[in-house]
């Protein structure tokens, strides 16, 4: 299915374009909010574990 259906109404074409634009905005926002892998794998001290070591 190519998406270029000749009998598609103008309203359906506009809705499809709006959905695609919204999808692009969501993907762009998700990319902007994404944390680099280095930040997610950094070691963070676990206070519960440290409490038991004292």
C-alpha atoms as a PDB file:
ATOM      1  CA  UNK A   1       0.000   0.000   0.000  1.00  0.00           C
ATOM      2  CA  UNK A   2       1.642   3.186  -1.184  1.00  0.00           C
ATOM      3  CA  UNK A   3      -0.544   5.657   0.696  1.00  0.00           C
ATOM      4  CA  UNK A   4      -1.261   7.664  -2.476  1.00  0.00           C
ATOM      5  CA  UNK A   5      -4.824   6.491  -3.039  1.00  0.00           C
ATOM      6  CA  UNK A   6      -6.449   8.594  -5.771  1.00  0.00           C
ATOM      7  CA  UNK A   7      -9.997   8.274  -4.348  1.00  0.00           C
ATOM      8  CA  UNK A   8      -8.897   9.402  -0.887  1.00  0.00           C
ATOM      9  CA  UNK A   9     -10.843  12.482   0.194  1.00  0.00           C
ATOM     10  CA  UNK A  10      -9.128  15.789   0.896  1.00  0.00           C
ATOM     11  CA  UNK A  11     -10.165  15.506   4.568  1.00  0.00           C
ATOM     12  CA  UNK A  12      -8.537  12.081   4.863  1.00  0.00           C
ATOM     13  CA  UNK A  13      -5.370  13.433   3.238  1.00  0.00           C
ATOM     14  CA  UNK A  14      -5.266  16.318   5.735  1.00  0.00           C
ATOM     15  CA  UNK A  15      -5.847  13.949   8.678  1.00  0.00           C
ATOM     16  CA  UNK A  16      -3.075  11.669   7.461  1.00  0.00           C
ATOM     17  CA  UNK A  17      -0.694  14.634   7.122  1.00  0.00           C
ATOM     18  CA  UNK A  18      -1.632  15.848  10.626  1.00  0.00           C
ATOM     19  CA  UNK A  19      -1.041  12.374  12.091  1.00  0.00           C
ATOM     20  CA  UNK A  20       2.357  12.192  10.420  1.00  0.00           C
ATOM     21  CA  UNK A  21       3.276  15.673  11.694  1.00  0.00           C
ATOM     22  CA  UNK A  22       2.204  14.712  15.230  1.00  0.00           C
ATOM     23  CA  UNK A  23       4.238  11.508  14.970  1.00  0.00           C
ATOM     24  CA  UNK A  24       7.306  13.504  13.927  1.00  0.00           C
ATOM     25  CA  UNK A  25       6.816  15.927  16.847  1.00  0.00           C
ATOM     26  CA  UNK A  26       6.523  13.030  19.304  1.00  0.00           C
ATOM     27  CA  UNK A  27       9.664  11.377  17.922  1.00  0.00           C
ATOM     28  CA  UNK A  28      11.570  14.673  18.067  1.00  0.00           C
ATOM     29  CA  UNK A  29      10.467  15.248  21.684  1.00  0.00           C
ATOM     30  CA  UNK A  30      11.423  11.694  22.656  1.00  0.00           C
ATOM     31  CA  UNK A  31      14.846  12.155  21.093  1.00  0.00           C
ATOM     32  CA  UNK A  32      15.304  15.453  22.944  1.00  0.00           C
ATOM     33  CA  UNK A  33      14.329  13.796  26.260  1.00  0.00           C
ATOM     34  CA  UNK A  34      16.499  10.725  25.705  1.00  0.00           C
ATOM     35  CA  UNK A  35      19.381  10.282  28.141  1.00  0.00           C
ATOM     36  CA  UNK A  36      22.766   9.280  26.725  1.00  0.00           C
ATOM     37  CA  UNK A  37      23.742   5.701  27.577  1.00  0.00           C
ATOM     38  CA  UNK A  38      26.762   6.946  29.562  1.00  0.00           C
ATOM     39  CA  UNK A  39      24.411   8.711  31.989  1.00  0.00           C
ATOM     40  CA  UNK A  40      22.124   5.738  32.486  1.00  0.00           C
ATOM     41  CA  UNK A  41      24.945   3.284  33.194  1.00  0.00           C
ATOM     42  CA  UNK A  42      26.923   5.460  35.601  1.00  0.00           C
ATOM     43  CA  UNK A  43      27.390   3.788  38.992  1.00  0.00           C
ATOM     44  CA  UNK A  44      25.294   5.372  41.720  1.00  0.00           C
ATOM     45  CA  UNK A  45      25.989   4.452  45.351  1.00  0.00           C
ATOM     46  CA  UNK A  46      23.197   2.426  46.881  1.00  0.00           C
ATOM     47  CA  UNK A  47      22.554   3.898  50.331  1.00  0.00           C
ATOM     48  CA  UNK A  48      20.799   0.773  51.562  1.00  0.00           C
ATOM     49  CA  UNK A  49      23.877  -1.308  50.808  1.00  0.00           C
ATOM     50  CA  UNK A  50      26.217   1.264  52.379  1.00  0.00           C
ATOM     51  CA  UNK A  51      24.107   1.369  55.546  1.00  0.00           C
ATOM     52  CA  UNK A  52      24.686  -2.346  56.081  1.00  0.00           C
ATOM     53  CA  UNK A  53      28.455  -1.978  55.671  1.00  0.00           C
ATOM     54  CA  UNK A  54      28.992   0.471  58.538  1.00  0.00           C
END
